[in-house]
């Protein structure tokens, strides 16, 4: 950001205030900001709500938060439960807990330990998802690494390299997600290097493709090498 911000905004306990431009915003307790917020640093501890857009270099949410507009941040850290009704633009986002994003999200690095729901597309250079997730649009990234806890769904995936595994059990995540079946469901996966386990897909297309245990694939199209585990189902495969 090139703007100059003066003054801080602090809410302790229960309170509400108008939005604006600030250096630092800190909400401890139950706080509501009516309108857009632009700041260098946004920290929420407890329960907070922003009725407009939130724009900050660093945004840290611990507890619960609801943002009625869009969020733009160089770094966005979520610990707890967060609902964002608009879109999210970021350089790095890390979710430890639960997040719901109404529209699309785009940035450089996306790390998940918990659960996330995305109403639109998700685009990043690097994506590492450990948990359960639902992405209603396209998941597009250079590098994608997925550790499954529970059921997950993506409409389509496009990437250079993808690896999907059943994650080892972490007690905290298993309690959070409360799901016994660990499986990724997707219509189309397209990438250069594809390594899948416990994935159900209509079409998998890539250069080098490995279909591992627990997979149910209708069609595999590959250019280089194709490997298939004994404990999976591939209805049809063809070299293109």
C-alpha atoms as a PDB file:
ATOM      1  CA  UNK A   1       0.000   0.000   0.000  1.00  0.00           C
ATOM      2  CA  UNK A   2       1.187   3.514  -0.788  1.00  0.00           C
ATOM      3  CA  UNK A   3      -1.355   5.346   1.359  1.00  0.00           C
ATOM      4  CA  UNK A   4      -0.461   7.000   4.646  1.00  0.00           C
ATOM      5  CA  UNK A   5      -2.561   5.928   7.606  1.00  0.00           C
ATOM      6  CA  UNK A   6      -2.831   7.829  10.870  1.00  0.00           C
ATOM      7  CA  UNK A   7      -4.426   6.770  14.129  1.00  0.00           C
ATOM      8  CA  UNK A   8      -5.428   3.410  15.547  1.00  0.00           C
ATOM      9  CA  UNK A   9      -8.788   1.750  16.161  1.00  0.00           C
ATOM     10  CA  UNK A  10      -9.249  -0.333  19.303  1.00  0.00           C
ATOM     11  CA  UNK A  11     -12.434  -2.009  20.542  1.00  0.00           C
ATOM     12  CA  UNK A  12     -12.309  -3.751  23.911  1.00  0.00           C
ATOM     13  CA  UNK A  13     -15.335  -5.614  25.253  1.00  0.00           C
ATOM     14  CA  UNK A  14     -18.590  -4.811  23.443  1.00  0.00           C
ATOM     15  CA  UNK A  15     -18.605  -1.932  21.005  1.00  0.00           C
ATOM     16  CA  UNK A  16     -19.185  -0.664  17.492  1.00  0.00           C
ATOM     17  CA  UNK A  17     -17.737   2.110  15.387  1.00  0.00           C
ATOM     18  CA  UNK A  18     -17.591   3.465  11.853  1.00  0.00           C
ATOM     19  CA  UNK A  19     -15.069   2.265   9.309  1.00  0.00           C
ATOM     20  CA  UNK A  20     -12.208   4.265   7.893  1.00  0.00           C
ATOM     21  CA  UNK A  21      -8.446   4.338   7.390  1.00  0.00           C
ATOM     22  CA  UNK A  22      -6.217   3.364  10.297  1.00  0.00           C
ATOM     23  CA  UNK A  23      -2.705   2.212  11.037  1.00  0.00           C
ATOM     24  CA  UNK A  24      -3.671  -0.561  13.438  1.00  0.00           C
ATOM     25  CA  UNK A  25      -7.063  -2.094  14.176  1.00  0.00           C
ATOM     26  CA  UNK A  26      -7.467  -4.294  17.236  1.00  0.00           C
ATOM     27  CA  UNK A  27     -10.701  -5.881  18.406  1.00  0.00           C
ATOM     28  CA  UNK A  28     -10.730  -7.671  21.755  1.00  0.00           C
ATOM     29  CA  UNK A  29     -14.118  -9.075  22.665  1.00  0.00           C
ATOM     30  CA  UNK A  30     -17.250  -8.388  20.646  1.00  0.00           C
ATOM     31  CA  UNK A  31     -16.713  -5.601  18.136  1.00  0.00           C
ATOM     32  CA  UNK A  32     -18.486  -4.353  15.032  1.00  0.00           C
ATOM     33  CA  UNK A  33     -17.132  -1.988  12.379  1.00  0.00           C
ATOM     34  CA  UNK A  34     -19.760  -0.406  10.153  1.00  0.00           C
ATOM     35  CA  UNK A  35     -18.325   0.189   6.700  1.00  0.00           C
ATOM     36  CA  UNK A  36     -15.051  -0.386   4.877  1.00  0.00           C
ATOM     37  CA  UNK A  37     -11.762  -0.738   6.739  1.00  0.00           C
ATOM     38  CA  UNK A  38      -8.322   0.086   5.306  1.00  0.00           C
ATOM     39  CA  UNK A  39      -5.344  -0.462   7.581  1.00  0.00           C
ATOM     40  CA  UNK A  40      -1.804  -1.699   7.919  1.00  0.00           C
ATOM     41  CA  UNK A  41      -2.657  -4.304  10.543  1.00  0.00           C
ATOM     42  CA  UNK A  42      -5.980  -5.877  11.558  1.00  0.00           C
ATOM     43  CA  UNK A  43      -6.224  -8.098  14.634  1.00  0.00           C
ATOM     44  CA  UNK A  44      -9.403  -9.689  15.918  1.00  0.00           C
ATOM     45  CA  UNK A  45      -9.508 -11.669  19.151  1.00  0.00           C
ATOM     46  CA  UNK A  46     -12.981 -12.884  20.089  1.00  0.00           C
ATOM     47  CA  UNK A  47     -15.954 -12.038  17.884  1.00  0.00           C
ATOM     48  CA  UNK A  48     -15.867  -9.340  15.229  1.00  0.00           C
ATOM     49  CA  UNK A  49     -17.861  -8.132  12.266  1.00  0.00           C
ATOM     50  CA  UNK A  50     -17.012  -5.795   9.400  1.00  0.00           C
ATOM     51  CA  UNK A  51     -20.027  -4.766   7.349  1.00  0.00           C
ATOM     52  CA  UNK A  52     -17.939  -3.631   4.366  1.00  0.00           C
ATOM     53  CA  UNK A  53     -14.623  -4.502   2.722  1.00  0.00           C
ATOM     54  CA  UNK A  54     -11.434  -5.194   4.675  1.00  0.00           C
ATOM     55  CA  UNK A  55      -8.092  -4.127   3.192  1.00  0.00           C
ATOM     56  CA  UNK A  56      -4.909  -4.637   5.218  1.00  0.00           C
ATOM     57  CA  UNK A  57      -1.296  -5.628   4.863  1.00  0.00           C
ATOM     58  CA  UNK A  58      -1.649  -8.223   7.648  1.00  0.00           C
ATOM     59  CA  UNK A  59      -4.967  -9.603   8.871  1.00  0.00           C
ATOM     60  CA  UNK A  60      -5.118 -11.942  11.870  1.00  0.00           C
ATOM     61  CA  UNK A  61      -8.411 -13.435  13.026  1.00  0.00           C
ATOM     62  CA  UNK A  62      -8.602 -15.498  16.200  1.00  0.00           C
ATOM     63  CA  UNK A  63     -12.008 -16.644  17.365  1.00  0.00           C
ATOM     64  CA  UNK A  64     -14.921 -15.811  15.082  1.00  0.00           C
ATOM     65  CA  UNK A  65     -15.378 -13.129  12.460  1.00  0.00           C
ATOM     66  CA  UNK A  66     -17.786 -12.166   9.723  1.00  0.00           C
ATOM     67  CA  UNK A  67     -16.820  -9.913   6.809  1.00  0.00           C
ATOM     68  CA  UNK A  68     -19.730  -8.804   4.634  1.00  0.00           C
ATOM     69  CA  UNK A  69     -17.541  -7.618   1.755  1.00  0.00           C
ATOM     70  CA  UNK A  70     -14.210  -8.479   0.129  1.00  0.00           C
ATOM     71  CA  UNK A  71     -10.875  -9.044   1.868  1.00  0.00           C
ATOM     72  CA  UNK A  72      -7.491  -8.027   0.487  1.00  0.00           C
ATOM     73  CA  UNK A  73      -4.333  -8.761   2.482  1.00  0.00           C
ATOM     74  CA  UNK A  74      -0.666  -9.500   1.992  1.00  0.00           C
ATOM     75  CA  UNK A  75      -0.989 -12.089   4.753  1.00  0.00           C
ATOM     76  CA  UNK A  76      -4.249 -13.478   6.130  1.00  0.00           C
ATOM     77  CA  UNK A  77      -4.198 -15.786   9.166  1.00  0.00           C
ATOM     78  CA  UNK A  78      -7.405 -17.434  10.365  1.00  0.00           C
ATOM     79  CA  UNK A  79      -7.595 -19.367  13.627  1.00  0.00           C
ATOM     80  CA  UNK A  80     -11.159 -20.279  14.546  1.00  0.00           C
ATOM     81  CA  UNK A  81     -14.240 -19.630  12.427  1.00  0.00           C
ATOM     82  CA  UNK A  82     -14.448 -16.951   9.740  1.00  0.00           C
ATOM     83  CA  UNK A  83     -17.095 -16.097   7.156  1.00  0.00           C
ATOM     84  CA  UNK A  84     -16.245 -13.812   4.225  1.00  0.00           C
ATOM     85  CA  UNK A  85     -19.158 -13.077   1.919  1.00  0.00           C
ATOM     86  CA  UNK A  86     -17.112 -11.576  -0.925  1.00  0.00           C
ATOM     87  CA  UNK A  87     -13.849 -12.492  -2.633  1.00  0.00           C
ATOM     88  CA  UNK A  88     -10.381 -12.801  -1.105  1.00  0.00           C
ATOM     89  CA  UNK A  89      -7.117 -11.578  -2.632  1.00  0.00           C
ATOM     90  CA  UNK A  90      -3.904 -12.439  -0.809  1.00  0.00           C
ATOM     91  CA  UNK A  91      -0.208 -13.136  -1.023  1.00  0.00           C
ATOM     92  CA  UNK A  92      -0.330 -15.773   1.715  1.00  0.00           C
ATOM     93  CA  UNK A  93      -3.356 -17.203   3.494  1.00  0.00           C
ATOM     94  CA  UNK A  94      -3.225 -19.739   6.299  1.00  0.00           C
ATOM     95  CA  UNK A  95      -6.409 -21.231   7.725  1.00  0.00           C
ATOM     96  CA  UNK A  96      -6.250 -23.193  10.956  1.00  0.00           C
ATOM     97  CA  UNK A  97      -9.866 -23.865  11.750  1.00  0.00           C
ATOM     98  CA  UNK A  98     -12.869 -23.172   9.551  1.00  0.00           C
ATOM     99  CA  UNK A  99     -13.397 -20.573   6.825  1.00  0.00           C
ATOM    100  CA  UNK A 100     -16.229 -19.866   4.417  1.00  0.00           C
ATOM    101  CA  UNK A 101     -15.582 -17.662   1.369  1.00  0.00           C
ATOM    102  CA  UNK A 102     -18.633 -16.681  -0.615  1.00  0.00           C
ATOM    103  CA  UNK A 103     -16.939 -15.852  -3.916  1.00  0.00           C
ATOM    104  CA  UNK A 104     -13.482 -16.519  -5.385  1.00  0.00           C
ATOM    105  CA  UNK A 105     -10.018 -16.409  -3.839  1.00  0.00           C
ATOM    106  CA  UNK A 106      -6.702 -15.658  -5.538  1.00  0.00           C
ATOM    107  CA  UNK A 107      -3.120 -15.220  -4.402  1.00  0.00           C
ATOM    108  CA  UNK A 108       0.316 -16.789  -4.106  1.00  0.00           C
ATOM    109  CA  UNK A 109       0.274 -19.331  -1.256  1.00  0.00           C
ATOM    110  CA  UNK A 110      -2.697 -21.078   0.393  1.00  0.00           C
ATOM    111  CA  UNK A 111      -2.230 -23.302   3.442  1.00  0.00           C
ATOM    112  CA  UNK A 112      -5.101 -25.129   5.165  1.00  0.00           C
ATOM    113  CA  UNK A 113      -5.253 -27.111   8.377  1.00  0.00           C
ATOM    114  CA  UNK A 114      -8.972 -27.568   8.984  1.00  0.00           C
ATOM    115  CA  UNK A 115     -11.902 -26.938   6.674  1.00  0.00           C
ATOM    116  CA  UNK A 116     -12.773 -24.364   4.028  1.00  0.00           C
ATOM    117  CA  UNK A 117     -15.667 -23.669   1.664  1.00  0.00           C
ATOM    118  CA  UNK A 118     -15.153 -21.534  -1.456  1.00  0.00           C
ATOM    119  CA  UNK A 119     -18.112 -20.413  -3.534  1.00  0.00           C
ATOM    120  CA  UNK A 120     -16.091 -19.722  -6.702  1.00  0.00           C
ATOM    121  CA  UNK A 121     -12.606 -20.368  -8.094  1.00  0.00           C
ATOM    122  CA  UNK A 122      -9.402 -20.717  -6.102  1.00  0.00           C
ATOM    123  CA  UNK A 123      -6.152 -19.644  -7.804  1.00  0.00           C
ATOM    124  CA  UNK A 124      -2.660 -19.669  -6.314  1.00  0.00           C
ATOM    125  CA  UNK A 125       0.909 -20.636  -7.120  1.00  0.00           C
ATOM    126  CA  UNK A 126       1.190 -23.105  -4.251  1.00  0.00           C
ATOM    127  CA  UNK A 127      -1.667 -24.858  -2.450  1.00  0.00           C
ATOM    128  CA  UNK A 128      -1.347 -27.215   0.501  1.00  0.00           C
ATOM    129  CA  UNK A 129      -4.626 -28.481   1.918  1.00  0.00           C
ATOM    130  CA  UNK A 130      -4.684 -30.671   5.037  1.00  0.00           C
ATOM    131  CA  UNK A 131      -8.278 -31.211   6.033  1.00  0.00           C
ATOM    132  CA  UNK A 132     -11.670 -31.063   4.353  1.00  0.00           C
ATOM    133  CA  UNK A 133     -12.695 -28.578   1.681  1.00  0.00           C
ATOM    134  CA  UNK A 134     -15.345 -27.680  -0.874  1.00  0.00           C
ATOM    135  CA  UNK A 135     -14.479 -25.522  -3.899  1.00  0.00           C
ATOM    136  CA  UNK A 136     -17.398 -24.925  -6.238  1.00  0.00           C
ATOM    137  CA  UNK A 137     -15.248 -23.679  -9.119  1.00  0.00           C
ATOM    138  CA  UNK A 138     -11.759 -24.288 -10.486  1.00  0.00           C
ATOM    139  CA  UNK A 139      -8.774 -25.011  -8.262  1.00  0.00           C
ATOM    140  CA  UNK A 140      -5.832 -23.722 -10.296  1.00  0.00           C
ATOM    141  CA  UNK A 141      -2.233 -23.768  -9.006  1.00  0.00           C
ATOM    142  CA  UNK A 142       1.305 -24.674  -9.984  1.00  0.00           C
ATOM    143  CA  UNK A 143       1.828 -27.036  -7.043  1.00  0.00           C
ATOM    144  CA  UNK A 144      -1.020 -28.753  -5.195  1.00  0.00           C
ATOM    145  CA  UNK A 145      -0.566 -31.068  -2.224  1.00  0.00           C
ATOM    146  CA  UNK A 146      -3.631 -32.503  -0.514  1.00  0.00           C
ATOM    147  CA  UNK A 147      -3.893 -34.489   2.699  1.00  0.00           C
ATOM    148  CA  UNK A 148      -7.468 -35.737   3.046  1.00  0.00           C
ATOM    149  CA  UNK A 149      -9.420 -35.595   6.302  1.00  0.00           C
ATOM    150  CA  UNK A 150     -13.056 -36.283   5.503  1.00  0.00           C
ATOM    151  CA  UNK A 151     -14.962 -35.725   2.267  1.00  0.00           C
ATOM    152  CA  UNK A 152     -13.737 -32.998  -0.072  1.00  0.00           C
ATOM    153  CA  UNK A 153     -15.092 -31.686  -3.359  1.00  0.00           C
ATOM    154  CA  UNK A 154     -13.711 -29.564  -6.211  1.00  0.00           C
ATOM    155  CA  UNK A 155     -15.424 -28.978  -9.541  1.00  0.00           C
ATOM    156  CA  UNK A 156     -12.195 -28.947 -11.622  1.00  0.00           C
ATOM    157  CA  UNK A 157      -8.450 -28.919 -10.935  1.00  0.00           C
ATOM    158  CA  UNK A 158      -5.739 -27.502 -13.196  1.00  0.00           C
ATOM    159  CA  UNK A 159      -2.088 -27.631 -12.177  1.00  0.00           C
ATOM    160  CA  UNK A 160       1.501 -28.490 -13.016  1.00  0.00           C
ATOM    161  CA  UNK A 161       1.839 -31.020 -10.203  1.00  0.00           C
ATOM    162  CA  UNK A 162      -0.729 -32.554  -7.850  1.00  0.00           C
ATOM    163  CA  UNK A 163      -0.447 -35.099  -5.064  1.00  0.00           C
ATOM    164  CA  UNK A 164      -3.489 -36.404  -3.180  1.00  0.00           C
ATOM    165  CA  UNK A 165      -3.030 -38.667  -0.165  1.00  0.00           C
ATOM    166  CA  UNK A 166      -5.035 -39.810   2.827  1.00  0.00           C
ATOM    167  CA  UNK A 167      -3.563 -37.751   5.643  1.00  0.00           C
ATOM    168  CA  UNK A 168      -2.371 -39.264   8.886  1.00  0.00           C
ATOM    169  CA  UNK A 169      -4.766 -38.745  11.755  1.00  0.00           C
ATOM    170  CA  UNK A 170      -4.518 -35.607  13.837  1.00  0.00           C
ATOM    171  CA  UNK A 171      -6.896 -35.683  16.784  1.00  0.00           C
ATOM    172  CA  UNK A 172      -7.759 -32.005  16.596  1.00  0.00           C
ATOM    173  CA  UNK A 173      -8.595 -32.084  12.889  1.00  0.00           C
ATOM    174  CA  UNK A 174     -10.623 -35.268  13.158  1.00  0.00           C
ATOM    175  CA  UNK A 175     -12.750 -33.759  15.923  1.00  0.00           C
ATOM    176  CA  UNK A 176     -13.230 -30.583  13.904  1.00  0.00           C
ATOM    177  CA  UNK A 177     -14.250 -32.225  10.648  1.00  0.00           C
ATOM    178  CA  UNK A 178     -16.211 -35.131  12.148  1.00  0.00           C
ATOM    179  CA  UNK A 179     -16.033 -37.202   8.982  1.00  0.00           C
ATOM    180  CA  UNK A 180     -15.129 -40.848   8.625  1.00  0.00           C
ATOM    181  CA  UNK A 181     -14.768 -41.095   4.853  1.00  0.00           C
ATOM    182  CA  UNK A 182     -11.669 -39.490   3.366  1.00  0.00           C
ATOM    183  CA  UNK A 183     -12.216 -38.933  -0.341  1.00  0.00           C
ATOM    184  CA  UNK A 184     -11.779 -36.228  -2.961  1.00  0.00           C
ATOM    185  CA  UNK A 185     -14.528 -35.913  -5.570  1.00  0.00           C
ATOM    186  CA  UNK A 186     -13.787 -33.931  -8.746  1.00  0.00           C
ATOM    187  CA  UNK A 187     -15.073 -33.839 -12.310  1.00  0.00           C
ATOM    188  CA  UNK A 188     -11.771 -33.106 -14.092  1.00  0.00           C
ATOM    189  CA  UNK A 189      -8.100 -33.132 -13.088  1.00  0.00           C
ATOM    190  CA  UNK A 190      -5.562 -31.840 -15.588  1.00  0.00           C
ATOM    191  CA  UNK A 191      -1.832 -31.500 -14.864  1.00  0.00           C
ATOM    192  CA  UNK A 192       1.691 -32.448 -15.897  1.00  0.00           C
ATOM    193  CA  UNK A 193       2.479 -34.706 -12.921  1.00  0.00           C
ATOM    194  CA  UNK A 194      -0.555 -36.378 -11.329  1.00  0.00           C
ATOM    195  CA  UNK A 195      -0.374 -38.677  -8.286  1.00  0.00           C
ATOM    196  CA  UNK A 196      -3.746 -39.604  -6.791  1.00  0.00           C
ATOM    197  CA  UNK A 197      -5.088 -41.688  -3.942  1.00  0.00           C
ATOM    198  CA  UNK A 198      -8.674 -41.914  -2.646  1.00  0.00           C
ATOM    199  CA  UNK A 199      -9.973 -39.760  -5.483  1.00  0.00           C
ATOM    200  CA  UNK A 200     -13.174 -40.089  -7.485  1.00  0.00           C
ATOM    201  CA  UNK A 201     -12.999 -38.352 -10.888  1.00  0.00           C
ATOM    202  CA  UNK A 202     -14.646 -38.492 -14.286  1.00  0.00           C
ATOM    203  CA  UNK A 203     -11.526 -37.511 -16.259  1.00  0.00           C
ATOM    204  CA  UNK A 204      -7.851 -37.399 -15.289  1.00  0.00           C
ATOM    205  CA  UNK A 205      -5.533 -35.964 -17.919  1.00  0.00           C
ATOM    206  CA  UNK A 206      -1.780 -35.533 -17.599  1.00  0.00           C
ATOM    207  CA  UNK A 207       1.717 -36.254 -18.766  1.00  0.00           C
ATOM    208  CA  UNK A 208       2.744 -38.769 -16.082  1.00  0.00           C
ATOM    209  CA  UNK A 209      -0.185 -40.187 -14.135  1.00  0.00           C
ATOM    210  CA  UNK A 210      -0.319 -42.517 -11.151  1.00  0.00           C
ATOM    211  CA  UNK A 211      -3.688 -43.772  -9.922  1.00  0.00           C
ATOM    212  CA  UNK A 212      -3.253 -45.141  -6.406  1.00  0.00           C
ATOM    213  CA  UNK A 213      -5.397 -47.015  -3.875  1.00  0.00           C
ATOM    214  CA  UNK A 214      -8.983 -46.004  -3.239  1.00  0.00           C
ATOM    215  CA  UNK A 215      -9.466 -44.231  -6.592  1.00  0.00           C
ATOM    216  CA  UNK A 216     -12.515 -44.457  -8.851  1.00  0.00           C
ATOM    217  CA  UNK A 217     -11.685 -42.948 -12.272  1.00  0.00           C
ATOM    218  CA  UNK A 218     -13.815 -43.105 -15.417  1.00  0.00           C
ATOM    219  CA  UNK A 219     -11.120 -42.061 -17.940  1.00  0.00           C
ATOM    220  CA  UNK A 220      -7.370 -41.487 -17.786  1.00  0.00           C
ATOM    221  CA  UNK A 221      -5.620 -39.745 -20.680  1.00  0.00           C
ATOM    222  CA  UNK A 222      -1.825 -39.542 -20.542  1.00  0.00           C
ATOM    223  CA  UNK A 223       1.122 -38.573 -22.738  1.00  0.00           C
ATOM    224  CA  UNK A 224       4.090 -40.066 -20.889  1.00  0.00           C
ATOM    225  CA  UNK A 225       3.780 -42.764 -18.230  1.00  0.00           C
ATOM    226  CA  UNK A 226       0.703 -44.338 -16.629  1.00  0.00           C
ATOM    227  CA  UNK A 227       0.727 -46.403 -13.430  1.00  0.00           C
ATOM    228  CA  UNK A 228      -2.290 -48.003 -11.809  1.00  0.00           C
ATOM    229  CA  UNK A 229      -2.504 -49.534  -8.338  1.00  0.00           C
ATOM    230  CA  UNK A 230      -4.247 -52.881  -7.916  1.00  0.00           C
ATOM    231  CA  UNK A 231      -6.624 -51.446  -5.306  1.00  0.00           C
ATOM    232  CA  UNK A 232      -8.384 -48.925  -7.565  1.00  0.00           C
ATOM    233  CA  UNK A 233     -10.788 -48.738 -10.503  1.00  0.00           C
ATOM    234  CA  UNK A 234      -9.993 -47.131 -13.862  1.00  0.00           C
ATOM    235  CA  UNK A 235     -12.708 -47.773 -16.412  1.00  0.00           C
ATOM    236  CA  UNK A 236     -10.661 -46.638 -19.411  1.00  0.00           C
ATOM    237  CA  UNK A 237      -7.144 -45.355 -20.061  1.00  0.00           C
ATOM    238  CA  UNK A 238      -5.583 -44.182 -23.299  1.00  0.00           C
ATOM    239  CA  UNK A 239      -2.329 -42.613 -24.431  1.00  0.00           C
ATOM    240  CA  UNK A 240      -2.775 -39.367 -26.340  1.00  0.00           C
END
